[in-house]
Amino acid sequence: MNNFPKPLLKGFTVYGANYCEYCQKAKSWCYENNVTFLYVNIYDFINENEKDKLFSYFGDIISNHKTIPIIFCDDKFIGGWTDMSNFVKEKRKLEILSDF
């Protein structure tokens, strides 16, 4: 997967597709909360029948996660949309991420 963007070192990286409701929710949340993020439409890099290439690209980093979106925060895999939502709620509660 040539030129496939790596996760940002700071901020969110959302790997998804334009048709995916949860991918769009993650992207919208980033816009609405004015946080640093990169949205990667996976189909700019692979064909629809090559989704396995995406999951093997990340390998053990994403473990058994086999759906989109694939979301990272500060270069660390956090999961999909529900995981991102829970991650942000927890960080807000702990006041660790003042940007959120």
Protein backbone atom coordinates (compact mmCIF):
# COMPACT_ATOMS: atom_id res chain seq x y z
CA MET A 1 0.00 0.00 0.00
CA ASN A 2 2.20 2.73 -1.35
CA ASN A 3 1.87 6.20 0.14
CA PHE A 4 -0.64 5.00 2.73
CA PRO A 5 -0.65 7.65 5.50
CA LYS A 6 0.66 6.63 8.91
CA PRO A 7 -1.23 7.67 12.07
CA LEU A 8 -0.51 11.17 13.36
CA LEU A 9 1.87 11.40 16.30
CA LYS A 10 -0.45 14.01 17.87
CA GLY A 11 -4.19 14.00 17.28
CA PHE A 12 -6.69 11.55 15.86
CA THR A 13 -6.31 9.51 12.69
CA VAL A 14 -9.50 8.00 11.28
CA TYR A 15 -9.24 5.38 8.54
CA GLY A 16 -12.66 4.97 7.01
CA ALA A 17 -14.93 5.20 4.00
CA ASN A 18 -17.36 7.84 2.85
CA TYR A 19 -20.31 5.43 2.95
CA CYS A 20 -19.60 4.40 6.57
CA GLU A 21 -21.89 6.06 9.13
CA TYR A 22 -19.50 5.51 12.04
CA CYS A 23 -16.54 6.82 10.05
CA GLN A 24 -18.50 9.99 9.33
CA LYS A 25 -19.47 10.32 13.01
CA ALA A 26 -15.81 10.17 14.01
CA LYS A 27 -14.84 12.71 11.36
CA SER A 28 -17.70 15.03 12.34
CA TRP A 29 -16.77 14.82 16.03
CA CYS A 30 -13.21 15.90 15.19
CA TYR A 31 -14.46 18.87 13.12
CA GLU A 32 -17.01 19.92 15.74
CA ASN A 33 -14.46 19.75 18.56
CA ASN A 34 -11.74 21.46 16.55
CA VAL A 35 -9.13 18.81 17.28
CA THR A 36 -6.16 17.89 15.13
CA PHE A 37 -7.05 14.93 12.94
CA LEU A 38 -6.39 13.18 9.68
CA TYR A 39 -9.21 11.44 7.84
CA VAL A 40 -8.06 8.76 5.38
CA ASN A 41 -10.57 7.42 2.88
CA ILE A 42 -9.25 3.88 2.57
CA TYR A 43 -10.64 3.56 -0.96
CA ASP A 44 -8.21 6.21 -2.13
CA PHE A 45 -5.55 3.53 -1.54
CA ILE A 46 -7.23 0.14 -2.01
CA ASN A 47 -10.07 -1.38 -4.02
CA GLU A 48 -13.20 -2.52 -2.20
CA ASN A 49 -12.23 -6.17 -2.62
CA GLU A 50 -8.81 -5.52 -1.01
CA LYS A 51 -9.97 -4.68 2.53
CA ASP A 52 -7.87 -7.53 3.92
CA LYS A 53 -4.78 -5.60 2.80
CA LEU A 54 -5.79 -2.78 5.14
CA PHE A 55 -6.09 -5.04 8.17
CA SER A 56 -2.86 -6.90 7.39
CA TYR A 57 -1.09 -3.53 6.92
CA PHE A 58 -1.73 -2.73 10.59
CA GLY A 59 -1.13 -6.32 11.68
CA ASP A 60 -0.97 -6.99 15.40
CA ILE A 61 -1.36 -3.29 16.20
CA ILE A 62 -5.11 -3.52 15.67
CA SER A 63 -5.37 -7.11 16.89
CA ASN A 64 -8.70 -8.64 15.84
CA HIS A 65 -10.37 -5.37 14.81
CA LYS A 66 -11.86 -6.09 11.38
CA THR A 67 -14.20 -3.15 10.74
CA ILE A 68 -13.92 0.50 9.85
CA PRO A 69 -13.35 3.03 11.14
CA ILE A 70 -9.90 2.25 12.45
CA ILE A 71 -9.04 5.07 14.84
CA PHE A 72 -5.76 6.09 16.42
CA CYS A 73 -5.06 8.84 18.95
CA ASP A 74 -1.49 10.09 19.25
CA ASP A 75 -0.27 7.15 17.16
CA LYS A 76 -1.95 4.58 19.43
CA PHE A 77 -4.80 2.38 18.24
CA ILE A 78 -8.01 2.99 20.19
CA GLY A 79 -10.57 1.07 18.10
CA GLY A 80 -13.68 2.16 16.24
CA TRP A 81 -16.27 4.90 16.76
CA THR A 82 -17.69 3.53 20.03
CA ASP A 83 -14.18 3.09 21.39
CA MET A 84 -13.30 6.65 20.38
CA SER A 85 -16.42 8.00 22.05
CA ASN A 86 -15.66 6.10 25.28
CA PHE A 87 -11.99 7.12 25.11
CA VAL A 88 -12.87 10.81 24.88
CA LYS A 89 -15.46 10.57 27.69
CA GLU A 90 -12.90 8.92 29.95
CA LYS A 91 -10.19 11.45 29.12
CA ARG A 92 -12.60 14.33 29.75
CA LYS A 93 -13.54 12.80 33.07
CA LEU A 94 -9.89 12.51 34.04
CA GLU A 95 -9.14 15.95 32.57
CA ILE A 96 -6.07 14.51 30.90
CA LEU A 97 -6.89 15.80 27.44
CA SER A 98 -7.80 19.44 27.92
CA ASP A 99 -8.30 19.78 24.15
CA PHE A 100 -11.30 17.45 24.30
